[in-house]
Amino acid sequence: MKIYEKITKGTGIIDHYVFRHMVYFLIKIFGFRKIHPNWIVLFNLVFAGFCAYLISIGDLAIALIGSFLFIFFDMFDLLDGAVARVYGKTSKFGGFFDGLADILAEILILISVGIYFSELMKVLYLLIFILVIIVINLRIKWILEDKEVQINLLDLKVSSFMDKVKYLVILATRNDSRKIIIFLGLLFSNIYLIIIYFVGLYFLSMVSSLGKIIGK
């Protein structure tokens, strides 16, 4: 069985060129045949909680360690999907649980960032905004019966200037980019870098969803 074919590709620069290879070797070495992928998702959520705890402590060095470790959340995210496909353990619940874990992990990390900067209320407002956008997007997808498929970065053509702009925008919205922004926000002690990024990120996602329904 070709394991590489079962690992999601083109989701982000770090995900594709680093974590896909790490996931391949993890499966080759440990197999994970007897481990249900949902357990990997649960472990990943606990791992995100641990990273959030490190950030919330309030010490810069420890917070940077926590945010750096959180980058590896994407590796485990790729791992659970790959294990599910390699051993034929995919399920609708698994897909739902995986997506839910992604959202919960991001919420935990953002709350920890608010605690770190002593700006929890600003982060809570951000989270309300994010959750509203998520509900709107889900409603639009339900109306359109849209099964969203993430664009593979490797499939994008970047011949023209506008193609390059589109590529950079999509690249900036990917999961690994989110984690890098959080790390940089902590590194430069700038919570507004994180807040502005996530507001822009979810605003763009809402515009994209509204574009689909208007186009209908």
Foldseek 3Di string as FASTA:
>chain_A
DDLLVQFDAQLADCCHPPLSVVLVVCCVVVVCLVPQLLVLLVVLLVLLLVLLVQLLVQDLVSVLVSLVSNLCSSSSLRNSSSSCVVNVNDDPVSVVSSVVSVLSSVLSNLCSNCNNLVNNVLSVVLVVVLVVLVVLLVVLCVVVVPDDDQDRLVPQDDPDPVSVVVSVVSNCLGPSNLSVQSSVCSVVVHVVSNSVSSVVNSVVVSVVSVVVVVVD
